[in-house]
Amino acid sequence: MAAKRGTKTSMKNMEKELLCPVCQEMYKQPLVLPCTHNVCQACAREVLGQQGYIGHGGDPSSEPTSPASTPSTRSPRLSRRTLPKPDRLDRLLKSGFGTYPGRKRGALHPQVIMFPCPACQGDVELGERGLAGLFRNLTLERVVERYRQSVSVGGAILCQLCKPPPLEATKGCTECRATFCNECFKLFHPWGTQKAQHEPTLPTLSFRPKGLMCPDHKEEVTHYCKTCQRLVCQLCRVRRTHSGHKITPVLSAYQALKDKLTKSLTYILGNQDTVQTQICELEEAVRHTEVSGQQAKEEVSQLVRGLGAVLEEKRASLLQAIEECQQERLARLSAQIQEHRSLLDGSGLVGYAQEVLKETDQPCFVQAAKQLHNRIARATEALQTFRPAASSSFRHCQLDVGREMKLLTELNFLRAPEAPVIDTQRTFAYDQIFLCWRLPPHSPPAWHYTVEFRRTDVPAQPGPARWQRREEVRGTSALLENPDTGSVYVLRVRGCNKAGYGEYSEDVHLHTPPAPGTTRTAGTTAVPRMPQWRRRRPSLS
């Protein structure tokens, strides 16, 4: 009972694998596209119709008419399809039935038909024959049928030839493509006729051919072309299309693919704990991504608000400077206006001067007129050399924000440094190894570097290669002291900044010279010395 319940659960979870990507219903007569995805035959016809192709939706395994081909037994999806408008249908028929628009009959280079796969979102080439050149996925049809039976989809299968009310079907006929009760089966398969030789099957709503037939020659497929990755029949095998291709019997392809699939499935089923652990890690990664994303949003918002605060403070100071300059100029211009108004006839200064001129007492006149003359002289000079006391232009207060706007426009997330470039002209190996590098011209800056090195002329250890590492190297050079003589070292370097580590540079191989005047005794192995790093940069003189 538990095993049966487990099988039902497995079948129920499999439903999403049995849905057509176009109609989102269970597959009915699915076709295998060249990209290995599946689509219902009726849906494929609709898609080609929307693309403007007419006459290329041929059934790869055309079904003969049967006693059951009544409107009530046809696919409900076919009844929902909208037919082309009469004027469009006439125009397409006049252009040549069985051709695509724009193609002339007998064209030397006919255009191939492209089908937009709804699963991979790519255009796949169907060839000139269109859907008629595709195989029908009989295995998928059988899986869909078993799924329907396991979950009791659609209830009991009824006889398609009974008068209402129909009885439950007990037999099916692949040749007639219909389901029958016992009486109807005998009635439509009378003794002594050719139909009497039809073999009854279990009742079903989906009738399939007995075997997979070649869509080009209508013969049973017997071989598999590994080059084209396509099933072929005997006629296909000898055609020029498959000349020189690697072709194997379908039994060999079946056994090889079945063994691979079984092995992969066994591995997956045997590592369910690993799968569950990885699911937990992914769910934790999802949670961490949500938290980290929110933190990153808050950090960016805070930084942008900080930039806004700085800009607002700067705006206030600039406006204050303009306001002070404006008030100063207005005060100077107002004073100048007052001085000129005093020169008008009837004004205080002119009237006072006129009254002083009436004075006849000479000493008193000289005493009063001396100061008045100075004022009149200044006013006269200002009148003769008139110019406003202050400029009305504020051109000196214009801002040049081109550089700042460029910086703000180019404001983006910090990227990790690019892979450093080894400076081979300054890198050498002798009694020391000096490694020098530089960043590419447009690379983001690096705060520090990590240098890794290892010997390549020692026996390899099991597992991945082990690198010795020097962290947080400042500058663009490093010195390796006391390397093993007569050895080959491989070195690489990568930069790091706030965004993380960048890519490694290309590996550089350096050979240290042998020790002068020393030889190794046969059967002995030199003990490698641990190289030492120094931060100072050596003199190149």
Protein backbone atom coordinates (compact mmCIF):
# COMPACT_ATOMS: atom_id res chain seq x y z
CA MET A 1 0.00 0.00 0.00
CA ALA A 2 2.83 2.38 0.89
CA ALA A 3 4.65 1.53 -2.33
CA LYS A 4 1.51 2.23 -4.32
CA ARG A 5 1.03 5.54 -2.52
CA GLY A 6 4.66 6.43 -3.22
CA THR A 7 4.22 5.66 -6.93
CA LYS A 8 1.12 7.86 -7.06
CA THR A 9 2.98 10.69 -5.38
CA SER A 10 5.84 10.34 -7.85
CA MET A 11 3.40 10.40 -10.75
CA LYS A 12 1.63 13.46 -9.35
CA ASN A 13 4.91 15.35 -8.97
CA MET A 14 5.74 14.47 -12.57
CA GLU A 15 2.81 16.44 -13.99
CA LYS A 16 4.83 19.55 -14.84
CA GLU A 17 7.07 17.40 -17.07
CA LEU A 18 4.02 16.35 -19.10
CA LEU A 19 2.68 19.82 -19.91
CA CYS A 20 3.04 21.33 -23.37
CA PRO A 21 4.90 24.67 -23.18
CA VAL A 22 2.37 26.22 -25.61
CA CYS A 23 -1.07 25.21 -24.32
CA GLN A 24 0.02 24.25 -20.77
CA GLU A 25 -2.05 21.07 -21.09
CA MET A 26 -0.91 17.46 -21.20
CA TYR A 27 0.82 16.48 -24.39
CA LYS A 28 -1.32 15.08 -27.18
CA GLN A 29 0.60 13.57 -30.09
CA PRO A 30 3.84 15.37 -29.10
CA LEU A 31 6.47 16.03 -31.74
CA VAL A 32 10.22 16.08 -31.05
CA LEU A 33 11.79 19.32 -32.28
CA PRO A 34 15.43 19.35 -33.46
CA CYS A 35 16.35 21.05 -30.17
CA THR A 36 15.00 17.89 -28.37
CA HIS A 37 12.05 19.76 -26.81
CA ASN A 38 8.49 18.56 -27.32
CA VAL A 39 5.32 20.31 -28.42
CA CYS A 40 1.78 19.12 -29.23
CA GLN A 41 1.18 18.58 -32.91
CA ALA A 42 -1.90 20.86 -32.90
CA CYS A 43 0.05 23.56 -31.02
CA ALA A 44 2.91 23.29 -33.53
CA ARG A 45 0.44 23.83 -36.36
CA GLU A 46 -0.95 26.91 -34.64
CA VAL A 47 2.55 28.33 -34.12
CA LEU A 48 3.44 27.80 -37.78
CA GLY A 49 0.14 29.39 -38.77
CA GLN A 50 0.98 32.45 -36.71
CA GLN A 51 4.35 32.60 -38.49
CA GLY A 52 2.60 32.64 -41.87
CA TYR A 53 3.42 29.10 -42.98
CA ILE A 54 0.58 27.21 -44.68
CA GLY A 55 0.66 23.56 -45.65
CA HIS A 56 3.68 22.63 -43.51
CA GLY A 57 1.76 21.29 -40.53
CA GLY A 58 1.45 17.81 -41.89
CA ASP A 59 0.91 15.01 -39.45
CA PRO A 60 4.12 12.93 -39.14
CA SER A 61 1.94 9.86 -38.65
CA SER A 62 -1.29 10.79 -40.42
CA GLU A 63 -4.26 9.02 -38.93
CA PRO A 64 -6.79 7.37 -41.27
CA THR A 65 -10.41 8.05 -40.79
CA SER A 66 -12.03 5.81 -38.22
CA PRO A 67 -15.54 5.12 -36.97
CA ALA A 68 -14.68 7.19 -33.93
CA SER A 69 -13.66 10.37 -35.80
CA THR A 70 -16.73 12.29 -34.76
CA PRO A 71 -16.85 15.88 -33.46
CA SER A 72 -17.40 14.64 -29.92
CA THR A 73 -14.17 12.65 -29.90
CA ARG A 74 -11.87 15.18 -31.51
CA SER A 75 -9.39 17.16 -29.42
CA PRO A 76 -11.03 20.10 -27.65
CA ARG A 77 -7.94 22.11 -28.54
CA LEU A 78 -8.74 21.74 -32.24
CA SER A 79 -12.21 23.13 -31.72
CA ARG A 80 -10.75 26.20 -30.02
CA ARG A 81 -8.46 27.05 -32.91
CA THR A 82 -9.43 30.11 -34.92
CA LEU A 83 -9.41 29.60 -38.67
CA PRO A 84 -7.76 32.16 -40.95
CA LYS A 85 -9.96 34.88 -42.38
CA PRO A 86 -11.40 34.09 -45.84
CA ASP A 87 -9.49 36.86 -47.62
CA ARG A 88 -6.19 35.79 -46.00
CA LEU A 89 -6.90 32.12 -46.79
CA ASP A 90 -7.66 32.92 -50.44
CA ARG A 91 -4.51 35.00 -50.74
CA LEU A 92 -2.36 32.24 -49.24
CA LEU A 93 -3.97 29.58 -51.42
CA LYS A 94 -3.38 31.68 -54.54
CA SER A 95 0.26 32.10 -53.56
CA GLY A 96 0.61 28.31 -53.64
CA PHE A 97 -0.78 25.79 -51.13
CA GLY A 98 2.00 23.99 -49.35
CA THR A 99 4.37 26.91 -49.66
CA TYR A 100 5.28 29.78 -47.45
CA PRO A 101 4.49 33.35 -48.52
CA GLY A 102 6.92 34.71 -51.05
CA ARG A 103 8.20 31.36 -52.32
CA LYS A 104 7.65 30.40 -55.94
CA ARG A 105 7.00 26.84 -56.91
CA GLY A 106 10.00 25.05 -58.24
CA ALA A 107 12.46 27.39 -56.57
CA LEU A 108 16.02 26.14 -56.79
CA HIS A 109 16.89 27.18 -53.24
CA PRO A 110 13.73 26.89 -51.14
CA GLN A 111 13.79 28.65 -47.80
CA VAL A 112 13.83 26.34 -44.81
CA ILE A 113 11.11 26.64 -42.19
CA MET A 114 12.12 28.09 -38.83
CA PHE A 115 10.12 27.16 -35.75
CA PRO A 116 10.29 29.30 -32.58
CA CYS A 117 10.72 26.80 -29.77
CA PRO A 118 8.65 27.94 -26.76
CA ALA A 119 10.87 26.01 -24.34
CA CYS A 120 14.37 27.25 -25.21
CA GLN A 121 13.21 30.49 -26.88
CA GLY A 122 15.35 29.71 -29.92
CA ASP A 123 14.57 29.32 -33.61
CA VAL A 124 15.04 25.73 -34.80
CA GLU A 125 15.24 24.67 -38.40
CA LEU A 126 12.56 22.22 -39.51
CA GLY A 127 13.66 21.88 -43.11
CA GLU A 128 11.48 22.30 -46.16
CA ARG A 129 8.97 19.62 -45.10
CA GLY A 130 8.10 21.34 -41.85
CA LEU A 131 6.32 19.29 -39.22
CA ALA A 132 6.06 16.33 -41.60
CA GLY A 133 9.78 15.74 -41.10
CA LEU A 134 9.54 15.38 -37.30
CA PHE A 135 9.24 12.24 -35.24
CA ARG A 136 6.34 11.65 -32.93
CA ASN A 137 7.37 11.04 -29.30
CA LEU A 138 5.57 7.77 -28.63
CA THR A 139 7.39 7.21 -25.34
CA LEU A 140 6.10 10.51 -23.98
CA GLU A 141 2.58 9.59 -25.10
CA ARG A 142 2.81 6.33 -23.15
CA VAL A 143 4.02 8.16 -20.05
CA VAL A 144 1.11 10.62 -20.33
CA GLU A 145 -1.32 7.74 -20.65
CA ARG A 146 0.11 5.96 -17.61
CA TYR A 147 -0.07 9.22 -15.69
CA ARG A 148 -3.74 9.68 -16.60
CA GLN A 149 -4.50 6.15 -15.48
CA SER A 150 -2.58 6.55 -12.19
CA VAL A 151 -4.37 9.72 -11.16
CA SER A 152 -7.70 8.67 -12.68
CA VAL A 153 -7.89 11.60 -15.03
CA GLY A 154 -11.04 11.49 -17.16
CA GLY A 155 -12.66 8.51 -15.42
CA ALA A 156 -13.63 5.36 -17.29
CA ILE A 157 -13.10 5.07 -21.05
CA LEU A 158 -16.42 4.68 -22.87
CA CYS A 159 -17.21 2.90 -26.09
CA GLN A 160 -17.11 5.33 -29.01
CA LEU A 161 -19.54 3.40 -31.20
CA CYS A 162 -22.41 2.67 -28.79
CA LYS A 163 -25.71 4.43 -29.01
CA PRO A 164 -26.36 6.72 -26.03
CA PRO A 165 -25.84 5.95 -23.28
CA PRO A 166 -22.47 4.36 -24.20
CA LEU A 167 -21.12 1.37 -22.33
CA GLU A 168 -17.67 1.16 -20.78
CA ALA A 169 -15.04 0.20 -23.33
CA THR A 170 -13.33 -3.15 -22.95
CA LYS A 171 -11.17 -3.23 -26.08
CA GLY A 172 -9.27 -0.90 -28.31
CA CYS A 173 -8.18 -1.23 -31.93
CA THR A 174 -5.00 0.44 -33.16
CA GLU A 175 -5.97 -0.06 -36.81
CA CYS A 176 -9.43 1.50 -36.37
CA ARG A 177 -8.19 4.03 -33.77
CA ALA A 178 -11.27 3.57 -31.63
CA THR A 179 -12.42 1.95 -28.37
CA PHE A 180 -15.21 -0.63 -28.30
CA CYS A 181 -17.37 -2.57 -25.94
CA ASN A 182 -17.56 -6.31 -26.59
CA GLU A 183 -20.66 -6.10 -28.79
CA CYS A 184 -19.43 -3.15 -30.86
CA PHE A 185 -16.06 -4.78 -31.40
CA LYS A 186 -17.73 -7.88 -32.86
CA LEU A 187 -20.04 -5.68 -34.95
CA PHE A 188 -17.24 -3.65 -36.55
CA HIS A 189 -14.92 -6.65 -36.92
CA PRO A 190 -17.13 -9.26 -38.62
CA TRP A 191 -15.80 -12.76 -39.04
CA GLY A 192 -14.30 -13.52 -42.42
CA THR A 193 -13.30 -9.94 -43.25
CA GLN A 194 -9.92 -8.23 -43.17
CA LYS A 195 -10.92 -6.30 -40.04
CA ALA A 196 -11.32 -9.58 -38.21
CA GLN A 197 -7.53 -9.85 -38.26
CA HIS A 198 -7.16 -6.65 -36.19
CA GLU A 199 -5.61 -7.39 -32.82
CA PRO A 200 -7.55 -5.93 -29.87
CA THR A 201 -5.70 -3.85 -27.29
CA LEU A 202 -6.57 -2.26 -23.99
CA PRO A 203 -8.97 0.68 -24.28
CA THR A 204 -7.23 4.04 -24.63
CA LEU A 205 -7.90 7.56 -25.82
CA SER A 206 -4.53 7.92 -27.55
CA PHE A 207 -3.75 5.56 -30.41
CA ARG A 208 -0.22 5.28 -31.59
CA PRO A 209 1.47 3.47 -34.45
CA LYS A 210 2.94 0.07 -33.61
CA GLY A 211 6.46 1.33 -34.23
CA LEU A 212 8.34 4.53 -34.90
CA MET A 213 8.23 5.23 -38.62
CA CYS A 214 10.62 7.31 -40.69
CA PRO A 215 8.81 10.55 -41.61
CA ASP A 216 10.59 10.64 -44.99
CA HIS A 217 10.04 7.08 -46.24
CA LYS A 218 7.30 5.75 -43.93
CA GLU A 219 9.46 2.75 -43.01
CA GLU A 220 10.38 1.51 -39.57
CA VAL A 221 13.55 3.08 -38.20
CA THR A 222 16.37 0.59 -37.69
CA HIS A 223 19.51 2.69 -37.16
CA TYR A 224 20.70 5.80 -35.36
CA CYS A 225 22.96 8.42 -36.95
CA LYS A 226 25.36 9.67 -34.28
CA THR A 227 26.54 12.51 -36.52
CA CYS A 228 23.04 13.93 -37.08
CA GLN A 229 21.72 12.52 -33.77
CA ARG A 230 18.66 11.25 -35.59
CA LEU A 231 16.89 7.93 -36.10
CA VAL A 232 17.05 6.68 -39.69
CA CYS A 233 15.59 3.84 -41.73
CA GLN A 234 17.33 1.60 -44.26
CA LEU A 235 16.67 4.03 -47.11
CA CYS A 236 17.96 6.99 -45.12
CA ARG A 237 21.10 5.03 -44.34
CA VAL A 238 22.12 4.71 -48.00
CA ARG A 239 21.20 8.26 -48.95
CA ARG A 240 23.82 10.87 -49.72
CA THR A 241 22.63 12.92 -46.74
CA HIS A 242 24.19 10.46 -44.30
CA SER A 243 27.23 9.57 -46.40
CA GLY A 244 30.29 9.22 -44.19
CA HIS A 245 28.27 9.56 -40.99
CA LYS A 246 28.72 7.30 -38.01
CA ILE A 247 25.62 5.09 -38.01
CA THR A 248 24.88 2.39 -35.46
CA PRO A 249 22.01 -0.11 -35.07
CA VAL A 250 19.16 1.25 -33.00
CA LEU A 251 19.63 -1.64 -30.55
CA SER A 252 23.16 -0.46 -29.75
CA ALA A 253 22.01 3.14 -29.37
CA TYR A 254 19.14 1.96 -27.18
CA GLN A 255 21.38 -0.08 -24.90
CA ALA A 256 24.07 2.62 -24.62
CA LEU A 257 21.60 5.41 -23.88
CA LYS A 258 19.63 3.24 -21.47
CA ASP A 259 22.81 2.32 -19.58
CA LYS A 260 23.83 5.99 -19.33
CA LEU A 261 20.37 7.06 -18.18
CA THR A 262 20.17 4.22 -15.67
CA LYS A 263 23.62 5.05 -14.30
CA SER A 264 22.81 8.75 -13.96
CA LEU A 265 19.45 8.04 -12.37
CA THR A 266 21.02 5.55 -9.95
CA TYR A 267 23.60 8.15 -8.94
CA ILE A 268 20.89 10.76 -8.33
CA LEU A 269 18.71 8.37 -6.34
CA GLY A 270 21.72 7.24 -4.32
CA ASN A 271 22.61 10.80 -3.39
CA GLN A 272 19.26 12.09 -2.20
CA ASP A 273 20.87 13.31 1.04
CA THR A 274 23.32 15.36 -1.01
CA VAL A 275 20.48 16.78 -3.08
CA GLN A 276 18.57 17.75 0.05
CA THR A 277 21.71 19.29 1.57
CA GLN A 278 22.29 21.33 -1.57
CA ILE A 279 18.64 22.43 -1.56
CA CYS A 280 19.10 23.64 2.01
CA GLU A 281 22.26 25.48 0.97
CA LEU A 282 20.42 27.09 -1.93
CA GLU A 283 17.53 28.11 0.32
CA GLU A 284 20.03 29.59 2.75
CA ALA A 285 21.68 31.35 -0.18
CA VAL A 286 18.27 32.76 -1.16
CA ARG A 287 17.74 34.10 2.36
CA HIS A 288 21.26 35.50 2.48
CA THR A 289 20.76 37.07 -0.94
CA GLU A 290 17.59 38.78 0.23
CA VAL A 291 19.30 40.12 3.37
CA SER A 292 22.48 41.15 1.53
CA GLY A 293 20.48 42.78 -1.25
CA GLN A 294 18.49 44.80 1.25
CA GLN A 295 21.70 45.85 3.02
CA ALA A 296 23.26 46.85 -0.31
CA LYS A 297 20.17 48.94 -1.12
CA GLU A 298 20.37 50.68 2.24
CA GLU A 299 24.10 51.37 1.82
CA VAL A 300 23.61 52.80 -1.67
CA SER A 301 20.65 54.89 -0.47
CA GLN A 302 22.72 56.21 2.44
CA LEU A 303 25.66 57.11 0.19
CA VAL A 304 23.40 58.82 -2.31
CA ARG A 305 21.71 60.71 0.49
CA GLY A 306 25.17 61.74 1.70
CA LEU A 307 25.97 63.04 -1.78
CA GLY A 308 22.67 64.90 -1.76
CA ALA A 309 23.46 66.44 1.63
CA VAL A 310 26.86 67.61 0.39
CA LEU A 311 25.28 69.07 -2.73
CA GLU A 312 22.60 70.81 -0.67
CA GLU A 313 25.20 72.30 1.65
CA LYS A 314 27.25 73.46 -1.31
CA ARG A 315 24.16 74.93 -2.95
CA ALA A 316 23.34 76.93 0.20
CA SER A 317 26.89 78.33 0.45
CA LEU A 318 26.97 79.31 -3.22
CA LEU A 319 23.58 81.01 -3.01
CA GLN A 320 24.73 82.89 0.09
CA ALA A 321 27.81 84.16 -1.74
CA ILE A 322 25.65 85.36 -4.63
CA GLU A 323 23.24 87.06 -2.20
CA GLU A 324 26.07 88.96 -0.46
CA CYS A 325 27.54 90.07 -3.78
CA GLN A 326 24.11 91.19 -4.95
CA GLN A 327 23.44 93.26 -1.80
CA GLU A 328 26.84 94.96 -2.05
CA ARG A 329 26.23 95.97 -5.66
CA LEU A 330 22.74 97.22 -4.92
CA ALA A 331 24.07 99.41 -2.11
CA ARG A 332 26.73 100.95 -4.37
CA LEU A 333 24.26 101.59 -7.17
CA SER A 334 21.75 103.13 -4.76
CA ALA A 335 24.44 105.54 -3.46
CA GLN A 336 25.33 106.51 -7.00
CA ILE A 337 21.68 107.19 -7.80
CA GLN A 338 21.42 109.47 -4.79
CA GLU A 339 24.49 111.41 -5.88
CA HIS A 340 23.06 111.97 -9.35
CA ARG A 341 19.69 113.00 -8.00
CA SER A 342 21.43 115.74 -6.03
CA LEU A 343 22.55 117.25 -9.34
CA LEU A 344 19.04 117.76 -10.59
CA ASP A 345 17.63 121.31 -10.78
CA GLY A 346 15.80 122.07 -7.58
CA SER A 347 17.63 119.49 -5.61
CA GLY A 348 19.21 120.25 -2.25
CA LEU A 349 22.84 120.55 -3.43
CA VAL A 350 22.07 122.74 -6.45
CA GLY A 351 19.71 124.96 -4.44
CA TYR A 352 22.23 125.30 -1.66
CA ALA A 353 24.94 126.28 -4.17
CA GLN A 354 22.64 128.85 -5.73
CA GLU A 355 21.98 130.42 -2.36
CA VAL A 356 25.69 130.48 -1.49
CA LEU A 357 26.39 132.34 -4.70
CA LYS A 358 24.12 135.13 -3.44
CA GLU A 359 26.52 135.80 -0.54
CA THR A 360 28.28 139.19 -0.93
CA ASP A 361 30.52 139.01 2.12
CA GLN A 362 33.73 137.79 0.60
CA PRO A 363 35.33 136.14 3.66
CA CYS A 364 32.12 134.39 4.52
CA PHE A 365 31.66 133.25 0.89
CA VAL A 366 35.17 131.82 0.73
CA GLN A 367 34.61 129.95 3.97
CA ALA A 368 31.32 128.34 2.80
CA ALA A 369 32.14 127.89 -0.88
CA LYS A 370 35.42 125.98 -0.32
CA GLN A 371 33.73 122.82 0.94
CA LEU A 372 30.79 123.20 -1.46
CA HIS A 373 33.18 123.52 -4.42
CA ASN A 374 34.80 120.20 -3.58
CA ARG A 375 31.43 118.48 -3.61
CA ILE A 376 30.40 120.15 -6.85
CA ALA A 377 33.75 119.25 -8.43
CA ARG A 378 33.35 115.57 -7.55
CA ALA A 379 29.81 115.59 -8.88
CA THR A 380 30.97 117.26 -12.10
CA GLU A 381 33.76 114.71 -12.57
CA ALA A 382 31.32 111.84 -11.95
CA LEU A 383 28.97 113.34 -14.50
CA GLN A 384 31.70 113.65 -17.12
CA THR A 385 33.16 110.16 -16.56
CA PHE A 386 29.93 108.34 -15.87
CA ARG A 387 29.90 104.57 -15.38
CA PRO A 388 27.78 102.44 -13.02
CA ALA A 389 29.36 101.88 -9.64
CA ALA A 390 28.81 98.10 -9.95
CA SER A 391 28.30 95.62 -12.79
CA SER A 392 24.86 94.07 -13.22
CA SER A 393 26.33 90.84 -14.66
CA PHE A 394 26.86 87.72 -12.56
CA ARG A 395 28.87 85.79 -15.11
CA HIS A 396 31.60 85.19 -12.58
CA CYS A 397 29.06 83.16 -10.58
CA GLN A 398 28.55 80.54 -13.33
CA LEU A 399 29.36 76.94 -12.32
CA ASP A 400 31.32 74.49 -14.47
CA VAL A 401 29.83 71.12 -13.50
CA GLY A 402 30.95 69.19 -16.58
CA ARG A 403 33.51 67.13 -14.69
CA GLU A 404 31.16 66.56 -11.77
CA MET A 405 28.30 65.56 -14.09
CA LYS A 406 30.61 63.10 -15.84
CA LEU A 407 31.63 61.62 -12.52
CA LEU A 408 28.01 61.31 -11.44
CA THR A 409 27.05 59.79 -14.78
CA GLU A 410 29.85 57.25 -14.52
CA LEU A 411 29.02 56.52 -10.89
CA ASN A 412 28.68 52.75 -10.69
CA PHE A 413 29.36 49.79 -8.46
CA LEU A 414 32.98 49.05 -7.69
CA ARG A 415 34.38 46.18 -9.72
CA ALA A 416 37.09 43.77 -8.71
CA PRO A 417 40.49 44.36 -10.32
CA GLU A 418 41.16 42.81 -13.68
CA ALA A 419 43.80 40.13 -14.15
CA PRO A 420 47.27 41.67 -13.68
CA VAL A 421 49.76 41.56 -16.53
CA ILE A 422 53.17 40.09 -15.69
CA ASP A 423 56.04 42.40 -16.64
CA THR A 424 58.35 39.87 -18.29
CA GLN A 425 61.06 42.49 -18.87
CA ARG A 426 61.54 43.03 -15.12
CA THR A 427 60.74 39.52 -13.86
CA PHE A 428 63.72 37.20 -13.39
CA ALA A 429 64.97 34.20 -11.42
CA TYR A 430 68.48 33.64 -10.15
CA ASP A 431 69.37 33.22 -6.51
CA GLN A 432 66.19 35.18 -5.98
CA ILE A 433 62.91 35.35 -7.87
CA PHE A 434 61.66 38.83 -8.58
CA LEU A 435 58.09 39.06 -9.85
CA CYS A 436 56.75 42.32 -11.27
CA TRP A 437 53.31 43.07 -12.67
CA ARG A 438 50.91 45.87 -13.55
CA LEU A 439 47.17 46.31 -13.92
CA PRO A 440 45.55 46.85 -17.34
CA PRO A 441 44.95 50.52 -18.23
CA HIS A 442 41.20 50.61 -17.49
CA SER A 443 41.18 48.20 -14.56
CA PRO A 444 39.66 49.22 -11.23
CA PRO A 445 42.33 49.87 -8.59
CA ALA A 446 43.62 47.16 -6.30
CA TRP A 447 44.19 47.71 -2.58
CA HIS A 448 46.60 44.81 -2.31
CA TYR A 449 47.63 41.65 -4.13
CA THR A 450 47.94 37.94 -3.47
CA VAL A 451 50.94 36.14 -4.97
CA GLU A 452 50.85 32.35 -5.34
CA PHE A 453 53.65 30.03 -6.39
CA ARG A 454 54.55 26.34 -6.50
CA ARG A 455 57.16 24.02 -7.91
CA THR A 456 56.24 22.03 -11.01
CA ASP A 457 59.16 19.60 -11.05
CA VAL A 458 58.14 17.68 -7.92
CA PRO A 459 55.92 14.56 -7.84
CA ALA A 460 52.27 15.58 -8.04
CA GLN A 461 50.21 15.13 -4.90
CA PRO A 462 46.74 13.55 -5.10
CA GLY A 463 43.99 16.11 -5.56
CA PRO A 464 44.22 19.69 -6.80
CA ALA A 465 47.57 21.46 -7.01
CA ARG A 466 48.60 23.12 -3.77
CA TRP A 467 49.82 26.69 -4.05
CA GLN A 468 51.89 28.55 -1.51
CA ARG A 469 50.40 31.95 -0.93
CA ARG A 470 51.58 35.40 0.11
CA GLU A 471 48.70 37.62 1.21
CA GLU A 472 48.31 41.40 1.19
CA VAL A 473 51.32 42.27 -0.92
CA ARG A 474 51.55 46.04 -1.30
CA GLY A 475 52.88 47.55 -4.49
CA THR A 476 53.29 45.81 -7.84
CA SER A 477 56.32 43.59 -7.16
CA ALA A 478 57.41 40.84 -4.81
CA LEU A 479 60.69 39.14 -4.00
CA LEU A 480 61.11 35.40 -3.36
CA GLU A 481 64.34 34.69 -1.52
CA ASN A 482 66.23 31.39 -1.31
CA PRO A 483 64.36 29.41 -3.97
CA ASP A 484 65.45 25.85 -4.67
CA THR A 485 68.20 25.72 -7.25
CA GLY A 486 67.64 23.92 -10.53
CA SER A 487 63.88 24.04 -10.10
CA VAL A 488 60.93 25.28 -12.12
CA TYR A 489 58.50 27.60 -10.39
CA VAL A 490 55.10 28.71 -11.64
CA LEU A 491 53.76 31.98 -10.25
CA ARG A 492 50.55 33.95 -10.55
CA VAL A 493 49.03 37.03 -8.92
CA ARG A 494 45.60 38.61 -8.48
CA GLY A 495 44.38 41.90 -7.05
CA CYS A 496 41.81 42.65 -4.38
CA ASN A 497 39.69 45.63 -3.39
CA LYS A 498 36.39 46.23 -1.62
CA ALA A 499 34.53 44.36 -4.37
CA GLY A 500 36.58 41.20 -3.75
CA TYR A 501 39.31 39.29 -5.55
CA GLY A 502 39.84 39.65 -9.27
CA GLU A 503 41.00 37.14 -11.85
CA TYR A 504 44.42 35.53 -11.73
CA SER A 505 47.13 36.63 -14.10
CA GLU A 506 48.53 34.21 -16.61
CA ASP A 507 50.93 31.70 -15.09
CA VAL A 508 54.60 32.53 -15.51
CA HIS A 509 57.19 29.74 -15.36
CA LEU A 510 60.68 30.58 -14.08
CA HIS A 511 63.67 28.22 -13.96
CA THR A 512 66.26 28.77 -11.23
CA PRO A 513 69.86 27.98 -12.20
CA PRO A 514 71.59 24.92 -10.71
CA ALA A 515 73.83 25.32 -7.69
CA PRO A 516 77.42 26.02 -8.81
CA GLY A 517 79.90 23.19 -8.19
CA THR A 518 77.35 20.79 -6.61
CA THR A 519 76.12 17.43 -7.83
CA ARG A 520 73.48 15.08 -6.54
CA THR A 521 74.26 11.53 -5.63
CA ALA A 522 72.18 8.94 -7.40
CA GLY A 523 69.26 7.72 -5.32
CA THR A 524 69.14 10.83 -3.14
CA THR A 525 66.56 13.55 -3.17
CA ALA A 526 67.22 17.15 -2.29
CA VAL A 527 65.09 18.51 0.50
CA PRO A 528 63.31 21.61 -0.80
CA ARG A 529 63.73 24.77 1.20
CA MET A 530 60.80 26.96 2.07
CA PRO A 531 61.14 30.20 0.08
CA GLN A 532 61.07 33.44 2.04
CA TRP A 533 59.33 36.62 0.94
CA ARG A 534 60.53 40.13 1.57
CA ARG A 535 58.47 43.26 1.24
CA ARG A 536 61.34 45.49 0.12
CA ARG A 537 61.86 46.08 -3.54
CA PRO A 538 65.31 45.08 -4.88
CA SER A 539 67.60 47.45 -6.67
CA LEU A 540 67.67 46.89 -10.42
CA SER A 541 70.97 48.69 -10.96
